[in-house]
């Protein structure tokens, strides 16, 4: 399912689900002009296609004491499909890495790492990040203040 497969009702349903994932299907249907069953069928079709990937609870990082975000830029020491696959697979096993992107420009990857303190980050660097396969150079940038953090895609 691609954006071209979605009509305005589907887009409205997606916007509603992003803003209120606990809303009932009956309420979704009411808001988009459908009864329960057609609304449910549309949502089910989006789930089956993989467009809707699941539901999550967003946990407040400050309240958990995991409120230090660091963006880590990594340049590999060598490049091949096997090396990149090994690096990417290894990142999956490090819980402090919340996101990993291949990027263009000076670096190969950008990681978002979340920890409780600078000391915790130092331990993660020495004990985990520097042990990732083929790490050549790492550059860390600490987030000072979170201005915007959303999971909602600009659908509408």
C-alpha atoms as a PDB file:
ATOM      1  CA  UNK A   1       0.000   0.000   0.000  1.00  0.00           C
ATOM      2  CA  UNK A   2       1.410   3.400  -1.009  1.00  0.00           C
ATOM      3  CA  UNK A   3       0.218   6.948  -0.569  1.00  0.00           C
ATOM      4  CA  UNK A   4      -1.405   6.729  -4.013  1.00  0.00           C
ATOM      5  CA  UNK A   5      -3.597   3.893  -2.684  1.00  0.00           C
ATOM      6  CA  UNK A   6      -4.941   6.070   0.136  1.00  0.00           C
ATOM      7  CA  UNK A   7      -8.011   8.230  -0.223  1.00  0.00           C
ATOM      8  CA  UNK A   8      -8.951  11.227   1.925  1.00  0.00           C
ATOM      9  CA  UNK A   9     -10.799   9.037   4.429  1.00  0.00           C
ATOM     10  CA  UNK A  10      -7.743   6.800   4.849  1.00  0.00           C
ATOM     11  CA  UNK A  11      -5.565   9.870   5.411  1.00  0.00           C
ATOM     12  CA  UNK A  12      -8.010  11.185   8.014  1.00  0.00           C
ATOM     13  CA  UNK A  13      -7.977   7.818   9.775  1.00  0.00           C
ATOM     14  CA  UNK A  14      -4.170   7.827   9.844  1.00  0.00           C
ATOM     15  CA  UNK A  15      -4.091  11.351  11.265  1.00  0.00           C
ATOM     16  CA  UNK A  16      -6.590  10.369  13.970  1.00  0.00           C
ATOM     17  CA  UNK A  17      -4.666   7.213  14.891  1.00  0.00           C
ATOM     18  CA  UNK A  18      -1.407   9.160  15.158  1.00  0.00           C
ATOM     19  CA  UNK A  19      -2.920  11.713  17.505  1.00  0.00           C
ATOM     20  CA  UNK A  20      -5.057   9.323  19.561  1.00  0.00           C
ATOM     21  CA  UNK A  21      -4.029   5.657  19.269  1.00  0.00           C
ATOM     22  CA  UNK A  22      -6.519   4.555  21.932  1.00  0.00           C
ATOM     23  CA  UNK A  23      -9.575   5.947  20.163  1.00  0.00           C
ATOM     24  CA  UNK A  24     -12.300   3.410  19.484  1.00  0.00           C
ATOM     25  CA  UNK A  25     -13.052   2.317  15.947  1.00  0.00           C
ATOM     26  CA  UNK A  26     -16.600   3.571  16.465  1.00  0.00           C
ATOM     27  CA  UNK A  27     -15.275   7.068  17.253  1.00  0.00           C
ATOM     28  CA  UNK A  28     -12.912   6.972  14.290  1.00  0.00           C
ATOM     29  CA  UNK A  29     -15.807   6.046  12.029  1.00  0.00           C
ATOM     30  CA  UNK A  30     -17.919   8.866  13.427  1.00  0.00           C
ATOM     31  CA  UNK A  31     -15.147  11.390  12.822  1.00  0.00           C
ATOM     32  CA  UNK A  32     -14.619  10.316   9.189  1.00  0.00           C
ATOM     33  CA  UNK A  33     -18.247   9.598   8.274  1.00  0.00           C
ATOM     34  CA  UNK A  34     -18.182   5.792   8.347  1.00  0.00           C
ATOM     35  CA  UNK A  35     -19.879   3.152  10.448  1.00  0.00           C
ATOM     36  CA  UNK A  36     -17.847   0.811  12.628  1.00  0.00           C
ATOM     37  CA  UNK A  37     -17.381  -2.037  10.123  1.00  0.00           C
ATOM     38  CA  UNK A  38     -16.093  -0.014   7.129  1.00  0.00           C
ATOM     39  CA  UNK A  39     -13.755   1.937   9.445  1.00  0.00           C
ATOM     40  CA  UNK A  40     -12.470  -1.336  10.919  1.00  0.00           C
ATOM     41  CA  UNK A  41     -11.941  -2.808   7.414  1.00  0.00           C
ATOM     42  CA  UNK A  42      -9.865   0.193   6.345  1.00  0.00           C
ATOM     43  CA  UNK A  43      -7.709   0.023   9.464  1.00  0.00           C
ATOM     44  CA  UNK A  44      -7.294  -3.741   9.078  1.00  0.00           C
ATOM     45  CA  UNK A  45      -6.249  -3.295   5.422  1.00  0.00           C
ATOM     46  CA  UNK A  46      -3.639  -0.722   6.494  1.00  0.00           C
ATOM     47  CA  UNK A  47      -2.363  -3.121   9.176  1.00  0.00           C
ATOM     48  CA  UNK A  48      -2.213  -6.074   6.786  1.00  0.00           C
ATOM     49  CA  UNK A  49      -0.288  -4.017   4.207  1.00  0.00           C
ATOM     50  CA  UNK A  50       2.278  -2.964   6.814  1.00  0.00           C
ATOM     51  CA  UNK A  51       1.327   0.716   6.638  1.00  0.00           C
ATOM     52  CA  UNK A  52       0.257   0.588  10.286  1.00  0.00           C
ATOM     53  CA  UNK A  53       3.064  -1.128  12.155  1.00  0.00           C
ATOM     54  CA  UNK A  54       1.745  -1.251  15.682  1.00  0.00           C
ATOM     55  CA  UNK A  55       0.997   0.739  18.777  1.00  0.00           C
ATOM     56  CA  UNK A  56       3.424   2.032  21.348  1.00  0.00           C
ATOM     57  CA  UNK A  57       3.341   3.994  24.551  1.00  0.00           C
ATOM     58  CA  UNK A  58       5.704   6.962  24.582  1.00  0.00           C
ATOM     59  CA  UNK A  59       7.697   6.954  27.802  1.00  0.00           C
ATOM     60  CA  UNK A  60       8.857  10.241  29.308  1.00  0.00           C
ATOM     61  CA  UNK A  61      12.655  10.107  29.133  1.00  0.00           C
ATOM     62  CA  UNK A  62      13.156  12.658  31.898  1.00  0.00           C
ATOM     63  CA  UNK A  63      10.953  10.759  34.338  1.00  0.00           C
ATOM     64  CA  UNK A  64      12.886   7.552  33.646  1.00  0.00           C
ATOM     65  CA  UNK A  65      16.242   9.253  34.092  1.00  0.00           C
ATOM     66  CA  UNK A  66      17.211   8.520  30.485  1.00  0.00           C
ATOM     67  CA  UNK A  67      17.154  12.095  29.281  1.00  0.00           C
ATOM     68  CA  UNK A  68      20.605  12.550  27.748  1.00  0.00           C
ATOM     69  CA  UNK A  69      20.362  12.322  23.942  1.00  0.00           C
ATOM     70  CA  UNK A  70      23.496  12.139  21.866  1.00  0.00           C
ATOM     71  CA  UNK A  71      23.731  12.118  18.093  1.00  0.00           C
ATOM     72  CA  UNK A  72      26.711  10.022  17.111  1.00  0.00           C
ATOM     73  CA  UNK A  73      28.142  10.338  13.623  1.00  0.00           C
ATOM     74  CA  UNK A  74      30.159   7.296  12.540  1.00  0.00           C
ATOM     75  CA  UNK A  75      32.555   6.868   9.658  1.00  0.00           C
ATOM     76  CA  UNK A  76      33.529   3.293   8.904  1.00  0.00           C
ATOM     77  CA  UNK A  77      37.161   2.408   8.329  1.00  0.00           C
ATOM     78  CA  UNK A  78      36.311   0.483   5.167  1.00  0.00           C
ATOM     79  CA  UNK A  79      33.288   0.150   2.912  1.00  0.00           C
ATOM     80  CA  UNK A  80      31.585  -2.887   1.470  1.00  0.00           C
ATOM     81  CA  UNK A  81      28.113  -4.345   1.669  1.00  0.00           C
ATOM     82  CA  UNK A  82      29.338  -6.944   4.164  1.00  0.00           C
ATOM     83  CA  UNK A  83      30.939  -4.319   6.417  1.00  0.00           C
ATOM     84  CA  UNK A  84      27.833  -2.146   6.383  1.00  0.00           C
ATOM     85  CA  UNK A  85      25.580  -5.141   7.075  1.00  0.00           C
ATOM     86  CA  UNK A  86      27.793  -6.175  10.009  1.00  0.00           C
ATOM     87  CA  UNK A  87      27.714  -2.657  11.484  1.00  0.00           C
ATOM     88  CA  UNK A  88      23.957  -2.316  11.062  1.00  0.00           C
ATOM     89  CA  UNK A  89      23.255  -5.745  12.548  1.00  0.00           C
ATOM     90  CA  UNK A  90      25.470  -4.996  15.544  1.00  0.00           C
ATOM     91  CA  UNK A  91      23.585  -1.772  16.305  1.00  0.00           C
ATOM     92  CA  UNK A  92      20.397  -3.788  16.779  1.00  0.00           C
ATOM     93  CA  UNK A  93      21.818  -5.379  19.932  1.00  0.00           C
ATOM     94  CA  UNK A  94      22.651  -2.115  21.710  1.00  0.00           C
ATOM     95  CA  UNK A  95      19.590  -0.859  23.603  1.00  0.00           C
ATOM     96  CA  UNK A  96      21.038   2.638  24.068  1.00  0.00           C
ATOM     97  CA  UNK A  97      20.890   3.128  20.281  1.00  0.00           C
ATOM     98  CA  UNK A  98      17.324   4.156  19.576  1.00  0.00           C
ATOM     99  CA  UNK A  99      17.814   5.052  15.916  1.00  0.00           C
ATOM    100  CA  UNK A 100      20.409   4.299  13.263  1.00  0.00           C
ATOM    101  CA  UNK A 101      20.465   5.947   9.855  1.00  0.00           C
ATOM    102  CA  UNK A 102      22.770   5.680   6.890  1.00  0.00           C
ATOM    103  CA  UNK A 103      23.554   9.253   5.890  1.00  0.00           C
ATOM    104  CA  UNK A 104      25.172  11.145   3.068  1.00  0.00           C
ATOM    105  CA  UNK A 105      28.134  13.439   3.447  1.00  0.00           C
ATOM    106  CA  UNK A 106      31.191  13.188   5.647  1.00  0.00           C
ATOM    107  CA  UNK A 107      29.908  10.288   7.785  1.00  0.00           C
ATOM    108  CA  UNK A 108      28.325   6.942   6.999  1.00  0.00           C
ATOM    109  CA  UNK A 109      25.870   6.650   9.904  1.00  0.00           C
ATOM    110  CA  UNK A 110      24.033   8.781  12.411  1.00  0.00           C
ATOM    111  CA  UNK A 111      22.941   7.148  15.643  1.00  0.00           C
ATOM    112  CA  UNK A 112      20.651   8.533  18.293  1.00  0.00           C
ATOM    113  CA  UNK A 113      21.864   7.270  21.637  1.00  0.00           C
ATOM    114  CA  UNK A 114      19.936   7.789  24.877  1.00  0.00           C
ATOM    115  CA  UNK A 115      21.489   7.375  28.323  1.00  0.00           C
ATOM    116  CA  UNK A 116      21.069   8.684  31.845  1.00  0.00           C
ATOM    117  CA  UNK A 117      24.280  10.672  32.185  1.00  0.00           C
ATOM    118  CA  UNK A 118      27.505  11.694  30.500  1.00  0.00           C
ATOM    119  CA  UNK A 119      29.240   8.980  32.534  1.00  0.00           C
ATOM    120  CA  UNK A 120      26.760   6.409  31.166  1.00  0.00           C
ATOM    121  CA  UNK A 121      27.570   7.625  27.668  1.00  0.00           C
ATOM    122  CA  UNK A 122      31.277   7.227  28.308  1.00  0.00           C
ATOM    123  CA  UNK A 123      30.639   3.626  29.411  1.00  0.00           C
ATOM    124  CA  UNK A 124      28.513   2.996  26.318  1.00  0.00           C
ATOM    125  CA  UNK A 125      31.220   4.415  24.044  1.00  0.00           C
ATOM    126  CA  UNK A 126      34.022   2.376  25.595  1.00  0.00           C
ATOM    127  CA  UNK A 127      32.021  -0.797  26.180  1.00  0.00           C
ATOM    128  CA  UNK A 128      29.780  -0.911  23.132  1.00  0.00           C
ATOM    129  CA  UNK A 129      30.009   1.778  20.456  1.00  0.00           C
ATOM    130  CA  UNK A 130      33.734   1.544  19.810  1.00  0.00           C
ATOM    131  CA  UNK A 131      33.327  -2.228  19.586  1.00  0.00           C
ATOM    132  CA  UNK A 132      30.903  -1.961  16.678  1.00  0.00           C
ATOM    133  CA  UNK A 133      32.435  -3.513  13.538  1.00  0.00           C
ATOM    134  CA  UNK A 134      34.712  -1.278  11.453  1.00  0.00           C
ATOM    135  CA  UNK A 135      34.206   1.975  13.363  1.00  0.00           C
ATOM    136  CA  UNK A 136      36.821   4.398  12.093  1.00  0.00           C
ATOM    137  CA  UNK A 137      35.783   7.794  13.441  1.00  0.00           C
ATOM    138  CA  UNK A 138      33.025   8.790  15.844  1.00  0.00           C
ATOM    139  CA  UNK A 139      31.808  12.329  16.442  1.00  0.00           C
ATOM    140  CA  UNK A 140      29.296  12.952  19.228  1.00  0.00           C
ATOM    141  CA  UNK A 141      26.900  15.859  19.531  1.00  0.00           C
ATOM    142  CA  UNK A 142      24.945  16.235  22.769  1.00  0.00           C
ATOM    143  CA  UNK A 143      21.397  17.559  22.574  1.00  0.00           C
ATOM    144  CA  UNK A 144      21.032  20.438  25.011  1.00  0.00           C
ATOM    145  CA  UNK A 145      17.271  20.854  24.812  1.00  0.00           C
ATOM    146  CA  UNK A 146      14.524  18.949  23.052  1.00  0.00           C
ATOM    147  CA  UNK A 147      12.502  21.526  21.147  1.00  0.00           C
ATOM    148  CA  UNK A 148      10.392  19.124  19.101  1.00  0.00           C
ATOM    149  CA  UNK A 149      10.037  15.364  19.150  1.00  0.00           C
ATOM    150  CA  UNK A 150       7.095  13.802  17.377  1.00  0.00           C
ATOM    151  CA  UNK A 151       6.264  10.465  15.903  1.00  0.00           C
ATOM    152  CA  UNK A 152       3.389  11.820  13.806  1.00  0.00           C
ATOM    153  CA  UNK A 153       4.054  11.945  10.074  1.00  0.00           C
ATOM    154  CA  UNK A 154       2.726  15.032   8.214  1.00  0.00           C
ATOM    155  CA  UNK A 155      -0.051  13.082   6.511  1.00  0.00           C
ATOM    156  CA  UNK A 156      -2.774  15.638   5.951  1.00  0.00           C
END
